[in-house]
Amino acid sequence: MSGAVITVWIVPNLKKSEIPINITSTPVCKSYGCMVRPALLSTIATFPELEILEIIDSDFLEDEWDTSEDIYQSLKILHLEDVFLTVTECQVDKETFPKLVELILEHCHDLTEIPSAFGDIDT
């Protein structure tokens, strides 16, 4: 990461139109104690310089998380900790996380399967 590190705490109903342009260039984004919807994650995916995404002590509210339309173009670390995943289907394409080098899953007790596309990422 270059320059100053800015940590942005994401609120549950964040809409792209509500994000100040300078925030979208942050390298670190944390969601703590949030109700996570795929639309929120799609909004976060639009942050072009995001390198670290941490979702901690949060609940996924929908049964499906389809990331095939999203590209986290600079994301290097995806960290899910104490996340209640009711997700029964997770669609991940190889292109979704082109620079991912570290996937951290801690205490995600309801996670039954890691999508195979994570193993296909080139980095």
C-alpha atoms as a PDB file:
ATOM      1  CA  MET A   1       0.000   0.000   0.000  1.00  0.00           C
ATOM      2  CA  SER A   2       1.323   3.398  -0.831  1.00  0.00           C
ATOM      3  CA  GLY A   3       0.668   6.668   0.938  1.00  0.00           C
ATOM      4  CA  ALA A   4      -1.445   7.147   4.014  1.00  0.00           C
ATOM      5  CA  VAL A   5      -3.684   4.326   5.137  1.00  0.00           C
ATOM      6  CA  ILE A   6      -7.280   5.375   5.613  1.00  0.00           C
ATOM      7  CA  THR A   7      -9.651   2.932   7.226  1.00  0.00           C
ATOM      8  CA  VAL A   8     -13.262   3.267   6.200  1.00  0.00           C
ATOM      9  CA  TRP A   9     -15.924   1.715   8.402  1.00  0.00           C
ATOM     10  CA  ILE A  10     -18.840   0.660   6.248  1.00  0.00           C
ATOM     11  CA  VAL A  11     -22.418   1.150   7.357  1.00  0.00           C
ATOM     12  CA  PRO A  12     -25.073  -1.394   6.301  1.00  0.00           C
ATOM     13  CA  ASN A  13     -27.145   0.667   3.868  1.00  0.00           C
ATOM     14  CA  LEU A  14     -24.310   2.442   2.109  1.00  0.00           C
ATOM     15  CA  LYS A  15     -25.154   3.497  -1.427  1.00  0.00           C
ATOM     16  CA  LYS A  16     -22.569   4.380  -4.040  1.00  0.00           C
ATOM     17  CA  SER A  17     -24.093   7.842  -4.482  1.00  0.00           C
ATOM     18  CA  GLU A  18     -23.454   8.518  -0.764  1.00  0.00           C
ATOM     19  CA  ILE A  19     -19.722   7.783  -0.876  1.00  0.00           C
ATOM     20  CA  PRO A  20     -17.401  10.805  -1.072  1.00  0.00           C
ATOM     21  CA  ILE A  21     -15.039  10.385  -4.026  1.00  0.00           C
ATOM     22  CA  ASN A  22     -11.932  10.506  -1.809  1.00  0.00           C
ATOM     23  CA  ILE A  23     -13.223   7.548   0.230  1.00  0.00           C
ATOM     24  CA  THR A  24     -13.363   5.294  -2.819  1.00  0.00           C
ATOM     25  CA  SER A  25      -9.569   5.537  -3.041  1.00  0.00           C
ATOM     26  CA  THR A  26      -9.012   4.069   0.419  1.00  0.00           C
ATOM     27  CA  PRO A  27      -6.826   0.966   0.653  1.00  0.00           C
ATOM     28  CA  VAL A  28      -8.553  -0.497   3.758  1.00  0.00           C
ATOM     29  CA  CYS A  29     -12.255  -1.128   4.312  1.00  0.00           C
ATOM     30  CA  LYS A  30     -13.771  -2.709   7.435  1.00  0.00           C
ATOM     31  CA  SER A  31     -17.285  -3.837   8.167  1.00  0.00           C
ATOM     32  CA  TYR A  32     -17.863  -4.619  11.830  1.00  0.00           C
ATOM     33  CA  GLY A  33     -21.171  -5.742  13.287  1.00  0.00           C
ATOM     34  CA  CYS A  34     -23.021  -5.182  10.020  1.00  0.00           C
ATOM     35  CA  MET A  35     -25.852  -6.834   8.226  1.00  0.00           C
ATOM     36  CA  VAL A  36     -24.158  -7.574   4.913  1.00  0.00           C
ATOM     37  CA  ARG A  37     -26.071  -7.700   1.657  1.00  0.00           C
ATOM     38  CA  PRO A  38     -24.573  -8.508  -1.748  1.00  0.00           C
ATOM     39  CA  ALA A  39     -25.485  -4.979  -2.920  1.00  0.00           C
ATOM     40  CA  LEU A  40     -23.230  -3.536  -0.211  1.00  0.00           C
ATOM     41  CA  LEU A  41     -20.347  -5.745  -1.347  1.00  0.00           C
ATOM     42  CA  SER A  42     -20.937  -4.704  -4.961  1.00  0.00           C
ATOM     43  CA  THR A  43     -20.634  -1.077  -3.854  1.00  0.00           C
ATOM     44  CA  ILE A  44     -17.393  -1.832  -2.032  1.00  0.00           C
ATOM     45  CA  ALA A  45     -16.063  -3.586  -5.147  1.00  0.00           C
ATOM     46  CA  THR A  46     -16.152  -0.239  -6.950  1.00  0.00           C
ATOM     47  CA  PHE A  47     -13.367   1.160  -4.707  1.00  0.00           C
ATOM     48  CA  PRO A  48     -10.502   1.055  -7.244  1.00  0.00           C
ATOM     49  CA  GLU A  49      -7.628   1.104  -4.722  1.00  0.00           C
ATOM     50  CA  LEU A  50      -9.088  -1.207  -2.073  1.00  0.00           C
ATOM     51  CA  GLU A  51      -6.392  -3.658  -0.961  1.00  0.00           C
ATOM     52  CA  ILE A  52      -7.808  -5.016   2.311  1.00  0.00           C
ATOM     53  CA  LEU A  53     -11.426  -5.895   3.006  1.00  0.00           C
ATOM     54  CA  GLU A  54     -12.300  -7.091   6.505  1.00  0.00           C
ATOM     55  CA  ILE A  55     -15.792  -8.244   7.410  1.00  0.00           C
ATOM     56  CA  ILE A  56     -15.914  -9.003  11.117  1.00  0.00           C
ATOM     57  CA  ASP A  57     -18.728 -10.030  13.445  1.00  0.00           C
ATOM     58  CA  SER A  58     -21.287  -9.560  10.699  1.00  0.00           C
ATOM     59  CA  ASP A  59     -24.231 -11.434   9.217  1.00  0.00           C
ATOM     60  CA  PHE A  60     -24.899 -12.140   5.559  1.00  0.00           C
ATOM     61  CA  LEU A  61     -28.607 -11.530   5.043  1.00  0.00           C
ATOM     62  CA  GLU A  62     -29.239 -13.232   1.734  1.00  0.00           C
ATOM     63  CA  ASP A  63     -28.874 -16.823   0.621  1.00  0.00           C
ATOM     64  CA  GLU A  64     -26.798 -16.033  -2.458  1.00  0.00           C
ATOM     65  CA  TRP A  65     -23.651 -13.991  -2.974  1.00  0.00           C
ATOM     66  CA  ASP A  66     -22.905 -13.646  -6.671  1.00  0.00           C
ATOM     67  CA  THR A  67     -19.598 -11.868  -7.185  1.00  0.00           C
ATOM     68  CA  SER A  68     -19.376 -12.750 -10.876  1.00  0.00           C
ATOM     69  CA  GLU A  69     -20.462  -9.214 -11.824  1.00  0.00           C
ATOM     70  CA  ASP A  70     -17.976  -7.561  -9.441  1.00  0.00           C
ATOM     71  CA  ILE A  71     -14.236  -7.043  -9.787  1.00  0.00           C
ATOM     72  CA  TYR A  72     -12.217  -6.163  -6.713  1.00  0.00           C
ATOM     73  CA  GLN A  73      -9.415  -4.899  -8.922  1.00  0.00           C
ATOM     74  CA  SER A  74      -6.785  -4.181  -6.245  1.00  0.00           C
ATOM     75  CA  LEU A  75      -7.913  -6.408  -3.377  1.00  0.00           C
ATOM     76  CA  LYS A  76      -5.032  -8.387  -1.901  1.00  0.00           C
ATOM     77  CA  ILE A  77      -6.512  -9.532   1.422  1.00  0.00           C
ATOM     78  CA  LEU A  78     -10.063 -10.714   2.108  1.00  0.00           C
ATOM     79  CA  HIS A  79     -10.642 -11.380   5.803  1.00  0.00           C
ATOM     80  CA  LEU A  80     -13.898 -12.859   7.115  1.00  0.00           C
ATOM     81  CA  GLU A  81     -14.035 -13.351  10.882  1.00  0.00           C
ATOM     82  CA  ASP A  82     -16.951 -14.360  13.104  1.00  0.00           C
ATOM     83  CA  VAL A  83     -19.233 -14.042  10.112  1.00  0.00           C
ATOM     84  CA  PHE A  84     -22.617 -15.733  10.156  1.00  0.00           C
ATOM     85  CA  LEU A  85     -22.965 -17.001   6.615  1.00  0.00           C
ATOM     86  CA  THR A  86     -26.425 -18.063   5.629  1.00  0.00           C
ATOM     87  CA  VAL A  87     -25.148 -18.051   2.086  1.00  0.00           C
ATOM     88  CA  THR A  88     -26.078 -21.332   0.458  1.00  0.00           C
ATOM     89  CA  GLU A  89     -24.662 -20.337  -2.896  1.00  0.00           C
ATOM     90  CA  CYS A  90     -21.556 -18.280  -3.572  1.00  0.00           C
ATOM     91  CA  GLN A  91     -20.607 -17.499  -7.147  1.00  0.00           C
ATOM     92  CA  VAL A  92     -16.985 -16.450  -7.544  1.00  0.00           C
ATOM     93  CA  ASP A  93     -15.209 -16.086 -10.863  1.00  0.00           C
ATOM     94  CA  LYS A  94     -11.460 -16.225 -11.336  1.00  0.00           C
ATOM     95  CA  GLU A  95     -11.600 -12.604 -12.508  1.00  0.00           C
ATOM     96  CA  THR A  96     -13.426 -11.355  -9.386  1.00  0.00           C
ATOM     97  CA  PHE A  97     -10.266 -11.161  -7.260  1.00  0.00           C
ATOM     98  CA  PRO A  98      -7.390 -10.802  -9.754  1.00  0.00           C
ATOM     99  CA  LYS A  99      -4.780  -9.719  -7.164  1.00  0.00           C
ATOM    100  CA  LEU A 100      -5.929 -11.665  -4.102  1.00  0.00           C
ATOM    101  CA  VAL A 101      -2.974 -13.163  -2.234  1.00  0.00           C
ATOM    102  CA  GLU A 102      -4.557 -13.939   1.126  1.00  0.00           C
ATOM    103  CA  LEU A 103      -7.975 -15.304   2.066  1.00  0.00           C
ATOM    104  CA  ILE A 104      -8.491 -15.363   5.839  1.00  0.00           C
ATOM    105  CA  LEU A 105     -11.472 -17.256   7.231  1.00  0.00           C
ATOM    106  CA  GLU A 106     -11.770 -17.306  11.018  1.00  0.00           C
ATOM    107  CA  HIS A 107     -14.692 -18.656  13.016  1.00  0.00           C
ATOM    108  CA  CYS A 108     -17.036 -18.836  10.026  1.00  0.00           C
ATOM    109  CA  HIS A 109     -18.852 -21.822  11.485  1.00  0.00           C
ATOM    110  CA  ASP A 110     -21.686 -21.910   8.965  1.00  0.00           C
ATOM    111  CA  LEU A 111     -19.374 -21.904   5.972  1.00  0.00           C
ATOM    112  CA  THR A 112     -19.694 -25.340   4.414  1.00  0.00           C
ATOM    113  CA  GLU A 113     -17.590 -24.868   1.293  1.00  0.00           C
ATOM    114  CA  ILE A 114     -15.008 -22.481  -0.109  1.00  0.00           C
ATOM    115  CA  PRO A 115     -15.789 -21.759  -3.777  1.00  0.00           C
ATOM    116  CA  SER A 116     -13.301 -23.575  -5.988  1.00  0.00           C
ATOM    117  CA  ALA A 117     -12.624 -20.388  -7.987  1.00  0.00           C
ATOM    118  CA  PHE A 118     -10.535 -19.119  -5.051  1.00  0.00           C
ATOM    119  CA  GLY A 119      -8.095 -21.933  -5.823  1.00  0.00           C
ATOM    120  CA  ASP A 120      -7.959 -20.869  -9.468  1.00  0.00           C
ATOM    121  CA  ILE A 121      -6.744 -17.330  -8.725  1.00  0.00           C
ATOM    122  CA  ASP A 122      -3.313 -16.809 -10.290  1.00  0.00           C
ATOM    123  CA  THR A 123      -1.715 -14.799  -7.481  1.00  0.00           C
END
